Structures are given as structure tokens and as C-alpha cells.
N, C-alpha and C. Protein backbone atom coordinates (compact mmCIF):
# COMPACT_ATOMS: atom_id res chain seq x y z
N MET A 1 287.97 45.21 154.78
CA MET A 1 289.28 45.51 154.21
C MET A 1 289.21 46.79 153.50
N LEU A 2 288.01 47.03 152.68
CA LEU A 2 288.01 48.23 151.81
C LEU A 2 287.98 49.60 152.71
N ILE A 3 287.34 49.48 153.92
CA ILE A 3 287.35 50.58 154.77
C ILE A 3 288.63 51.00 155.29
N GLU A 4 289.65 50.07 155.55
CA GLU A 4 290.84 50.31 155.97
C GLU A 4 291.70 50.95 154.75
N VAL A 5 291.55 50.46 153.56
CA VAL A 5 292.16 50.93 152.48
C VAL A 5 291.68 52.48 152.08
N ILE A 6 290.45 52.63 152.24
CA ILE A 6 289.93 54.09 152.11
C ILE A 6 290.60 55.02 153.07
N ILE A 7 290.61 54.67 154.31
CA ILE A 7 291.23 55.46 155.40
C ILE A 7 292.76 55.77 155.07
N LEU A 8 293.37 54.65 154.63
CA LEU A 8 294.91 54.82 154.36
C LEU A 8 294.98 55.71 153.20
N ALA A 9 294.12 55.61 152.12
CA ALA A 9 294.23 56.41 151.04
C ALA A 9 293.91 57.82 151.27
N VAL A 10 293.01 58.09 152.16
CA VAL A 10 292.59 59.47 152.49
C VAL A 10 293.86 59.97 153.35
N LEU A 11 294.41 59.39 154.20
CA LEU A 11 295.53 59.76 154.84
C LEU A 11 296.69 60.16 153.97
N LEU A 12 297.08 59.25 153.04
CA LEU A 12 298.22 59.54 152.15
C LEU A 12 297.91 60.57 151.30
N GLY A 13 296.60 60.74 150.74
CA GLY A 13 296.31 61.89 149.89
C GLY A 13 296.35 63.17 150.59
N TRP A 14 296.04 63.21 151.84
CA TRP A 14 296.13 64.41 152.74
C TRP A 14 297.61 64.78 152.98
N LEU A 15 298.39 63.77 153.22
CA LEU A 15 299.89 64.06 153.45
C LEU A 15 300.50 64.56 152.18
N ALA A 16 300.01 64.13 151.05
CA ALA A 16 300.57 64.51 149.75
C ALA A 16 300.08 65.94 149.35
N GLY A 17 299.33 66.62 150.30
CA GLY A 17 298.73 67.96 149.93
C GLY A 17 297.42 67.94 149.28
N GLY A 18 296.74 66.63 149.26
CA GLY A 18 295.37 66.69 148.55
C GLY A 18 294.33 67.19 149.51
N LYS A 19 293.08 67.33 148.93
CA LYS A 19 291.98 67.78 149.70
C LYS A 19 290.78 66.71 149.58
N LEU A 20 290.07 66.38 150.62
CA LEU A 20 289.08 65.49 150.56
C LEU A 20 287.94 66.06 149.68
N THR A 21 287.81 67.40 149.65
CA THR A 21 286.70 67.99 148.78
C THR A 21 287.03 67.81 147.27
N ARG A 22 288.16 67.47 146.85
CA ARG A 22 288.54 67.19 145.41
C ARG A 22 287.88 65.98 145.03
N LEU A 23 287.61 65.06 146.00
CA LEU A 23 286.94 63.74 145.62
C LEU A 23 285.52 63.98 144.97
N SER A 24 285.01 65.05 145.29
CA SER A 24 283.56 65.37 144.75
C SER A 24 283.71 65.64 143.35
N LYS A 25 284.78 65.83 142.81
CA LYS A 25 285.07 66.33 141.37
C LYS A 25 285.48 65.04 140.54
N VAL A 26 285.70 63.96 141.14
CA VAL A 26 286.04 62.82 140.41
C VAL A 26 284.88 62.40 139.59
N ASN A 27 285.10 62.12 138.24
CA ASN A 27 283.88 61.99 137.33
C ASN A 27 283.99 60.47 136.90
N LEU A 28 283.11 59.68 137.66
CA LEU A 28 283.00 58.29 137.31
C LEU A 28 281.71 58.18 136.40
N VAL A 29 281.89 57.62 135.21
CA VAL A 29 280.70 57.33 134.36
C VAL A 29 280.08 56.08 134.91
N GLY A 30 278.61 56.14 134.86
CA GLY A 30 278.09 54.96 135.36
C GLY A 30 277.96 54.88 136.89
N MET A 31 277.99 55.96 137.55
CA MET A 31 277.81 55.91 138.94
C MET A 31 276.54 55.39 139.52
N ASN A 32 275.49 55.68 138.79
CA ASN A 32 274.16 55.03 139.09
C ASN A 32 274.19 53.52 139.06
N LEU A 33 274.92 53.06 138.05
CA LEU A 33 274.94 51.53 137.95
C LEU A 33 275.85 50.99 139.06
N LEU A 34 277.03 51.75 139.42
CA LEU A 34 277.81 51.24 140.67
C LEU A 34 276.98 51.21 141.86
N ILE A 35 276.04 52.23 142.10
CA ILE A 35 275.32 52.25 143.29
C ILE A 35 274.29 51.13 143.30
N TRP A 36 273.67 50.82 142.15
CA TRP A 36 272.66 49.75 142.09
C TRP A 36 273.28 48.40 142.34
N ALA A 37 274.55 48.20 141.77
CA ALA A 37 275.27 46.94 142.08
C ALA A 37 275.51 46.76 143.53
N PHE A 38 275.96 47.82 144.15
CA PHE A 38 276.21 47.58 145.72
C PHE A 38 275.00 47.43 146.39
N ILE A 39 273.92 48.03 145.98
CA ILE A 39 272.52 47.84 146.70
C ILE A 39 272.18 46.34 146.49
N LEU A 40 272.34 45.89 145.22
CA LEU A 40 271.99 44.45 145.06
C LEU A 40 272.85 43.55 145.92
N GLN A 41 274.15 43.75 145.98
CA GLN A 41 275.08 42.96 146.80
C GLN A 41 274.64 43.02 148.26
N THR A 42 274.11 44.04 148.82
CA THR A 42 273.77 44.08 150.26
C THR A 42 272.49 43.33 150.47
N LEU A 43 271.70 43.11 149.38
CA LEU A 43 270.34 42.41 149.41
C LEU A 43 270.61 40.87 149.25
N VAL A 44 271.66 40.38 148.79
CA VAL A 44 272.02 38.96 148.57
C VAL A 44 271.88 38.15 149.79
N PRO A 45 272.51 38.45 150.97
CA PRO A 45 272.25 37.57 152.04
C PRO A 45 270.87 37.43 152.48
N SER A 46 270.06 38.48 152.51
CA SER A 46 268.66 38.27 152.94
C SER A 46 267.88 37.48 151.90
N ILE A 47 268.02 37.77 150.62
CA ILE A 47 267.21 37.09 149.63
C ILE A 47 267.63 35.64 149.61
N SER A 48 268.86 35.27 149.63
CA SER A 48 269.32 33.99 149.61
C SER A 48 268.98 33.14 150.79
N ALA A 49 268.63 33.68 151.81
CA ALA A 49 268.14 33.04 152.98
C ALA A 49 266.79 32.31 152.77
N PHE A 50 266.04 32.82 151.83
CA PHE A 50 264.83 32.25 151.49
C PHE A 50 264.87 31.61 150.06
N TYR A 51 265.56 32.24 149.08
CA TYR A 51 265.73 31.76 147.71
C TYR A 51 267.13 31.74 147.24
N ASP A 52 267.68 30.63 147.64
CA ASP A 52 269.27 30.58 147.34
C ASP A 52 269.62 30.83 146.00
N VAL A 53 268.94 30.28 145.01
CA VAL A 53 269.30 30.45 143.56
C VAL A 53 269.10 31.90 143.12
N VAL A 54 267.98 32.44 143.60
CA VAL A 54 267.74 33.88 143.36
C VAL A 54 268.83 34.80 143.85
N GLY A 55 269.29 34.51 145.09
CA GLY A 55 270.31 35.35 145.68
C GLY A 55 271.54 35.25 144.99
N TYR A 56 271.92 34.08 144.56
CA TYR A 56 273.13 33.83 143.82
C TYR A 56 273.11 34.48 142.51
N SER A 57 271.88 34.37 141.81
CA SER A 57 271.78 35.12 140.60
C SER A 57 271.89 36.58 140.73
N ILE A 58 271.33 37.08 141.70
CA ILE A 58 271.55 38.61 141.90
C ILE A 58 272.92 38.96 142.18
N LEU A 59 273.54 38.07 142.89
CA LEU A 59 275.12 38.32 143.20
C LEU A 59 275.84 38.42 141.76
N LEU A 60 275.62 37.49 141.07
CA LEU A 60 276.30 37.37 139.61
C LEU A 60 275.88 38.61 138.81
N ILE A 61 274.55 38.89 138.83
CA ILE A 61 274.08 40.16 138.12
C ILE A 61 274.74 41.48 138.60
N SER A 62 274.97 41.49 139.93
CA SER A 62 275.58 42.71 140.54
C SER A 62 277.04 42.73 139.93
N TYR A 63 277.76 41.74 139.87
CA TYR A 63 279.18 41.71 139.37
C TYR A 63 279.21 42.21 137.89
N PHE A 64 278.22 41.65 137.15
CA PHE A 64 278.02 41.97 135.78
C PHE A 64 277.84 43.57 135.57
N ILE A 65 276.90 43.98 136.43
CA ILE A 65 276.73 45.46 136.42
C ILE A 65 277.90 46.24 136.78
N LEU A 66 278.68 45.84 137.78
CA LEU A 66 279.92 46.52 138.11
C LEU A 66 280.85 46.58 136.85
N LEU A 67 281.03 45.46 136.20
CA LEU A 67 281.93 45.50 135.07
C LEU A 67 281.45 46.32 134.04
N VAL A 68 280.21 46.41 133.65
CA VAL A 68 279.56 47.30 132.77
C VAL A 68 279.86 48.77 133.11
N ALA A 69 279.55 49.13 134.37
CA ALA A 69 279.68 50.42 134.74
C ALA A 69 281.20 50.90 134.61
N LEU A 70 282.03 49.96 135.16
CA LEU A 70 283.51 50.39 135.10
C LEU A 70 284.00 50.47 133.68
N SER A 71 283.53 49.67 132.78
CA SER A 71 283.95 49.65 131.38
C SER A 71 283.51 50.95 130.68
N GLN A 72 282.59 51.66 131.23
CA GLN A 72 282.24 52.82 130.45
C GLN A 72 283.27 54.00 130.81
N ASN A 73 284.27 53.76 131.73
CA ASN A 73 285.25 54.82 131.99
C ASN A 73 286.46 54.68 131.25
N ARG A 74 287.16 55.81 131.16
CA ARG A 74 288.59 55.74 130.57
C ARG A 74 289.32 54.78 131.25
N LEU A 75 290.16 54.06 130.48
CA LEU A 75 290.98 52.86 131.16
C LEU A 75 292.36 53.59 131.88
N ASN A 76 292.06 54.14 132.98
CA ASN A 76 293.19 54.70 133.79
C ASN A 76 293.52 53.59 134.69
N LEU A 77 294.71 53.67 135.44
CA LEU A 77 295.20 52.72 136.30
C LEU A 77 294.07 52.28 137.34
N ASP A 78 293.42 53.20 137.94
CA ASP A 78 292.42 53.02 138.88
C ASP A 78 291.34 52.08 138.33
N ILE A 79 290.78 52.45 137.19
CA ILE A 79 289.59 51.64 136.52
C ILE A 79 290.09 50.18 136.21
N ILE A 80 291.36 50.08 135.64
CA ILE A 80 291.82 48.82 135.21
C ILE A 80 292.07 47.98 136.49
N LEU A 81 292.58 48.49 137.44
CA LEU A 81 292.75 47.64 138.82
C LEU A 81 291.32 47.22 139.36
N LEU A 82 290.41 48.11 139.30
CA LEU A 82 288.98 47.81 139.89
C LEU A 82 288.34 46.81 138.99
N MET A 83 288.55 46.88 137.64
CA MET A 83 287.92 45.90 136.73
C MET A 83 288.44 44.51 136.91
N ILE A 84 289.83 44.47 137.06
CA ILE A 84 290.47 43.10 137.33
C ILE A 84 290.03 42.54 138.60
N GLY A 85 289.87 43.36 139.61
CA GLY A 85 289.35 42.91 140.92
C GLY A 85 288.06 42.27 140.85
N VAL A 86 287.09 43.07 140.20
CA VAL A 86 285.66 42.60 140.09
C VAL A 86 285.61 41.38 139.20
N PHE A 87 286.46 41.30 138.07
CA PHE A 87 286.41 40.13 137.21
C PHE A 87 286.91 38.93 137.91
N LEU A 88 287.97 39.01 138.58
CA LEU A 88 288.52 37.93 139.39
C LEU A 88 287.55 37.35 140.47
N ASN A 89 286.98 38.21 141.23
CA ASN A 89 285.86 37.79 142.17
C ASN A 89 284.67 37.14 141.54
N PHE A 90 284.25 37.82 140.34
CA PHE A 90 283.17 37.25 139.63
C PHE A 90 283.41 35.78 139.15
N ILE A 91 284.48 35.63 138.50
CA ILE A 91 284.99 34.33 137.87
C ILE A 91 284.95 33.26 139.14
N VAL A 92 285.58 33.46 140.24
CA VAL A 92 285.67 32.35 141.26
C VAL A 92 284.23 32.22 141.89
N ILE A 93 283.52 33.28 141.95
CA ILE A 93 282.12 33.03 142.52
C ILE A 93 281.25 32.27 141.54
N LEU A 94 281.39 32.57 140.25
CA LEU A 94 280.61 31.79 139.19
C LEU A 94 281.05 30.36 139.19
N ALA A 95 282.29 30.04 139.37
CA ALA A 95 282.82 28.69 139.28
C ALA A 95 282.50 27.94 140.42
N ASN A 96 282.11 28.48 141.58
CA ASN A 96 282.00 27.75 142.85
C ASN A 96 280.58 27.93 143.44
N GLY A 97 279.92 28.85 142.98
CA GLY A 97 278.38 29.04 143.56
C GLY A 97 278.59 30.03 144.82
N GLY A 98 279.62 30.60 145.05
CA GLY A 98 279.91 31.60 146.17
C GLY A 98 281.53 31.78 146.27
N MET A 99 281.92 32.71 147.11
CA MET A 99 283.34 33.01 147.30
C MET A 99 283.91 31.99 148.23
N PRO A 100 284.79 31.14 147.79
CA PRO A 100 285.46 30.15 148.72
C PRO A 100 286.32 30.87 149.78
N VAL A 101 286.24 30.32 150.98
CA VAL A 101 287.00 30.81 152.11
C VAL A 101 287.72 29.56 152.75
N LYS A 102 289.07 29.74 152.96
CA LYS A 102 289.77 28.71 153.76
C LYS A 102 288.94 28.21 154.88
N ILE A 103 288.85 26.96 154.96
CA ILE A 103 288.06 26.21 155.98
C ILE A 103 288.49 26.64 157.42
N GLU A 104 289.71 26.84 157.67
CA GLU A 104 290.09 27.10 159.03
C GLU A 104 289.65 28.49 159.39
N ALA A 105 289.40 29.31 158.45
CA ALA A 105 288.86 30.75 158.81
C ALA A 105 287.33 30.89 158.74
N PHE A 106 286.74 29.90 158.32
CA PHE A 106 285.34 29.91 158.20
C PHE A 106 284.54 29.67 159.42
N PRO A 107 283.83 30.64 160.01
CA PRO A 107 283.16 30.52 161.31
C PRO A 107 282.20 29.34 161.26
N VAL A 108 282.18 28.57 162.38
CA VAL A 108 281.22 27.46 162.48
C VAL A 108 279.84 27.98 162.44
N GLY A 109 278.97 27.41 161.53
CA GLY A 109 277.46 27.80 161.52
C GLY A 109 277.30 29.08 160.74
N PHE A 110 278.34 29.60 160.26
CA PHE A 110 278.10 30.86 159.39
C PHE A 110 277.58 30.51 158.15
N ASN A 111 276.66 31.34 157.67
CA ASN A 111 276.12 31.30 156.28
C ASN A 111 275.48 32.52 155.83
N ASP A 112 276.30 33.32 155.06
CA ASP A 112 275.83 34.54 154.46
C ASP A 112 275.37 34.45 153.07
N HIS A 113 275.31 33.30 152.62
CA HIS A 113 274.89 32.83 151.22
C HIS A 113 275.76 33.55 150.24
N VAL A 114 276.91 34.10 150.49
CA VAL A 114 277.92 34.59 149.54
C VAL A 114 279.29 33.88 149.68
N HIS A 115 279.67 33.63 150.81
CA HIS A 115 280.89 32.80 151.07
C HIS A 115 280.58 31.36 151.33
N ILE A 116 281.47 30.57 150.81
CA ILE A 116 281.33 29.10 151.04
C ILE A 116 282.63 28.58 151.59
N GLN A 117 282.59 27.27 152.22
CA GLN A 117 283.87 26.68 152.63
C GLN A 117 284.67 26.25 151.45
N MET A 118 285.93 26.50 151.52
CA MET A 118 286.93 25.86 150.52
C MET A 118 287.12 24.47 150.77
N THR A 119 287.09 23.68 149.74
CA THR A 119 287.30 22.16 149.98
C THR A 119 288.28 21.73 148.89
N LYS A 120 288.53 20.52 148.84
CA LYS A 120 289.40 19.86 147.71
C LYS A 120 288.71 20.02 146.38
N MET A 121 287.42 20.17 146.39
CA MET A 121 286.72 20.28 145.20
C MET A 121 286.54 21.65 144.70
N THR A 122 286.99 22.68 145.34
CA THR A 122 286.93 24.07 144.98
C THR A 122 287.65 24.33 143.61
N ASN A 123 286.89 24.94 142.81
CA ASN A 123 287.59 25.47 141.51
C ASN A 123 288.25 26.71 141.71
N LEU A 124 289.38 26.89 141.02
CA LEU A 124 290.14 28.08 141.08
C LEU A 124 290.43 28.64 142.66
N PRO A 125 290.97 27.70 143.44
CA PRO A 125 291.05 28.01 144.80
C PRO A 125 292.02 29.27 145.11
N TRP A 126 292.96 29.42 144.29
CA TRP A 126 293.91 30.58 144.52
C TRP A 126 293.23 31.97 144.33
N LEU A 127 291.87 31.97 143.81
CA LEU A 127 291.17 33.13 143.62
C LEU A 127 290.15 33.36 144.83
N GLY A 128 290.15 32.50 145.71
CA GLY A 128 289.27 32.56 146.88
C GLY A 128 289.87 33.47 147.97
N ASP A 129 289.19 33.49 149.07
CA ASP A 129 289.68 34.18 150.32
C ASP A 129 290.77 33.51 150.98
N ILE A 130 292.04 33.55 150.58
CA ILE A 130 293.03 32.73 151.19
C ILE A 130 294.28 33.53 151.60
N ILE A 131 294.31 34.89 151.34
CA ILE A 131 295.40 35.93 151.58
C ILE A 131 295.22 36.50 152.93
N PRO A 132 296.25 36.26 153.77
CA PRO A 132 296.04 36.85 155.02
C PRO A 132 296.04 38.49 154.87
N TRP A 133 295.17 39.23 155.53
CA TRP A 133 295.09 40.62 155.64
C TRP A 133 295.58 41.07 157.02
N PRO A 134 296.38 41.96 157.08
CA PRO A 134 297.00 42.35 158.44
C PRO A 134 296.08 42.96 159.30
N PHE A 135 294.96 43.50 158.90
CA PHE A 135 293.96 44.17 159.84
C PHE A 135 292.82 43.12 160.18
N PRO A 136 292.26 43.25 161.39
CA PRO A 136 291.06 42.39 161.62
C PRO A 136 290.14 42.33 160.52
N GLY A 137 289.54 41.12 160.30
CA GLY A 137 288.51 41.09 159.34
C GLY A 137 287.51 39.99 159.76
N PHE A 138 286.42 39.97 159.04
CA PHE A 138 285.35 39.04 159.42
C PHE A 138 285.73 37.55 159.24
N PHE A 139 286.62 37.21 158.29
CA PHE A 139 286.97 35.84 158.08
C PHE A 139 288.44 35.74 158.57
N GLY A 140 288.76 36.22 159.70
CA GLY A 140 290.25 36.03 160.20
C GLY A 140 291.23 36.78 159.33
N GLY A 141 290.69 37.93 158.63
CA GLY A 141 291.62 38.71 157.91
C GLY A 141 292.00 38.16 156.50
N LEU A 142 291.26 37.20 155.96
CA LEU A 142 291.60 36.69 154.77
C LEU A 142 290.74 37.40 153.51
N VAL A 143 291.57 37.66 152.53
CA VAL A 143 290.98 38.28 151.33
C VAL A 143 291.38 37.49 150.19
N SER A 144 290.72 37.89 148.91
CA SER A 144 291.02 37.27 147.71
C SER A 144 291.94 38.07 146.85
N LEU A 145 292.52 37.51 145.83
CA LEU A 145 293.34 38.26 144.89
C LEU A 145 292.54 39.43 144.22
N GLY A 146 291.25 39.13 143.99
CA GLY A 146 290.31 40.13 143.45
C GLY A 146 290.25 41.25 144.47
N ASP A 147 290.16 40.95 145.74
CA ASP A 147 289.97 41.87 146.75
C ASP A 147 291.20 42.89 146.79
N ILE A 148 292.31 42.22 146.53
CA ILE A 148 293.66 43.04 146.66
C ILE A 148 293.60 44.04 145.40
N PHE A 149 293.22 43.56 144.27
CA PHE A 149 293.11 44.49 143.08
C PHE A 149 292.11 45.52 143.30
N LEU A 150 290.94 45.15 143.80
CA LEU A 150 289.80 46.19 144.27
C LEU A 150 290.50 47.25 145.06
N ALA A 151 291.11 46.74 146.12
CA ALA A 151 291.73 47.66 147.15
C ALA A 151 292.72 48.63 146.52
N ALA A 152 293.50 48.11 145.65
CA ALA A 152 294.63 48.93 144.96
C ALA A 152 293.86 49.93 144.09
N GLY A 153 292.87 49.49 143.33
CA GLY A 153 292.03 50.44 142.47
C GLY A 153 291.46 51.56 143.25
N ILE A 154 290.75 51.18 144.37
CA ILE A 154 290.12 52.27 145.27
C ILE A 154 291.17 53.05 145.81
N PHE A 155 292.38 52.60 146.25
CA PHE A 155 293.39 53.35 146.78
C PHE A 155 293.93 54.49 145.76
N VAL A 156 294.25 54.01 144.54
CA VAL A 156 294.66 54.86 143.51
C VAL A 156 293.68 55.99 143.21
N LEU A 157 292.37 55.50 143.09
CA LEU A 157 291.30 56.43 142.83
C LEU A 157 291.20 57.54 143.86
N VAL A 158 291.17 57.23 145.14
CA VAL A 158 291.15 58.09 146.18
C VAL A 158 292.29 59.05 146.24
N VAL A 159 293.50 58.62 146.17
CA VAL A 159 294.83 59.46 146.35
C VAL A 159 294.83 60.28 145.14
N GLN A 160 294.61 59.79 143.94
CA GLN A 160 294.65 60.69 142.64
C GLN A 160 293.58 61.80 142.70
N GLY A 161 292.32 61.30 143.10
CA GLY A 161 291.21 62.24 143.20
C GLY A 161 291.46 63.37 144.19
N MET A 162 292.18 63.02 145.17
CA MET A 162 292.37 64.04 146.36
C MET A 162 293.48 65.00 145.89
N THR A 163 294.52 64.53 145.18
CA THR A 163 295.66 65.28 144.83
C THR A 163 295.65 65.95 143.44
N TYR A 164 294.68 65.54 142.62
CA TYR A 164 294.64 66.16 141.25
C TYR A 164 294.30 67.58 141.20
N ARG A 165 295.02 68.44 140.49
CA ARG A 165 294.96 69.79 140.45
C ARG A 165 294.55 70.39 139.20
N GLY A 166 294.69 69.59 138.20
CA GLY A 166 294.36 70.03 136.80
C GLY A 166 292.91 70.09 136.49
N GLN A 167 292.53 70.29 135.18
CA GLN A 167 291.19 70.20 134.76
C GLN A 167 290.68 68.83 134.48
N ARG A 168 289.67 68.35 135.19
CA ARG A 168 289.23 67.08 134.91
C ARG A 168 288.42 66.84 133.62
N ARG A 169 288.66 65.79 132.87
CA ARG A 169 288.00 65.52 131.64
C ARG A 169 287.03 64.37 131.95
N ASN A 170 286.07 64.15 131.06
CA ASN A 170 285.20 63.13 131.01
C ASN A 170 285.98 61.92 130.88
N ARG A 171 285.70 60.76 131.70
CA ARG A 171 286.44 59.70 131.62
C ARG A 171 286.29 58.79 130.34
N LEU A 172 285.22 59.20 129.65
CA LEU A 172 285.07 58.44 128.27
C LEU A 172 285.95 59.04 127.22
N PRO A 173 286.58 58.22 126.33
CA PRO A 173 287.44 58.81 125.29
C PRO A 173 286.49 59.66 124.42
N SER A 174 287.09 60.58 123.78
CA SER A 174 286.22 61.37 122.90
C SER A 174 285.98 60.68 121.60
N THR A 175 284.78 61.00 121.05
CA THR A 175 284.23 60.28 119.85
C THR A 175 284.58 61.06 118.52
N GLN A 176 285.44 61.90 118.56
CA GLN A 176 285.76 62.70 117.39
C GLN A 176 286.85 62.06 116.56
């Protein structure tokens, strides 16, 4: 889902007169934390295959790191949307031991140790992967409400980053 959103954002940014090179000037505070959080998330399926609880703990820690990193930035629309998306996904994963996915979209025999089948016992089912996404996806094109907020935040960040022509300020509020 996020790949499609990034492609659409780059196309819209370009159509609006933006330049891809301007993205290098986007100043996100805590970028090293964001990178570590994504690295941890890519390790979760492998670690969980051997140590389920450790993998789940690493997943929760990665979401906490994402929230900390994003909170270090000025609260512009892009950061607010990203924080809401991360928080919603964090809450539903915490409440269920994984991201609930509608049963009919869950591949038989699939186990990535991140996604779980949604049942009648699922907590906060409206925050799970239940929203149809028009592009092909791994789970039949289903995404969560948190994913929608994440996508919107990434979209705004990329388009604004490509089209912004003024002087960039540090995203942290001044301490004066």
C-alpha cells in the first residue's frame, strides 16, 4: 500500500511543479530512530518464527520508537497523520497480539507472526485490516484505519517536500 501511495505522491508533486531532489531537504528529526524502527519491523517475522514472544515484543518496541521519533518533530499535518496511523496500529496490535485481518482475506497456512486472523474475540476489530484497498495487496487489498492515516501522512510529506520552495526550518519548535 505504501509503495503505491509514494508513487502517487511523487507523480502529484511532479505535476504540481515539484522536484524529487527537494525531498533531500526535508528535515525529519529522529531519522535514525525511524530507520531503526523499520529495521526492527523487518526482523520481526524471522525472530517470531523461533521466539514468538520476543518477536511480538520487538514489534511493540518498534512502534514505540516510531512514536518517539515522530514526536520529536514539529506537529505539521504530515507528522500528525503519521502519528495517528502509528498509534492506531500500535493499539490494535497491543490489544490482540498482532494485526487482525479479516478471515476471508487471510491466506490459508500463512503466518508472518505479525498478522492474525480476525475472530469474534478480536479486540478493536474496526482498527484491523478490514478496509478494501483498490490496488492489489498481500491480504487481498485490505488495510487498517491506521494504514490509511500513515498513507495520508506519507502522501502529504512527499508532496509538500517536493513542492516547498521556501527556507526550511528545523521541525522542532524554538526553545527561546
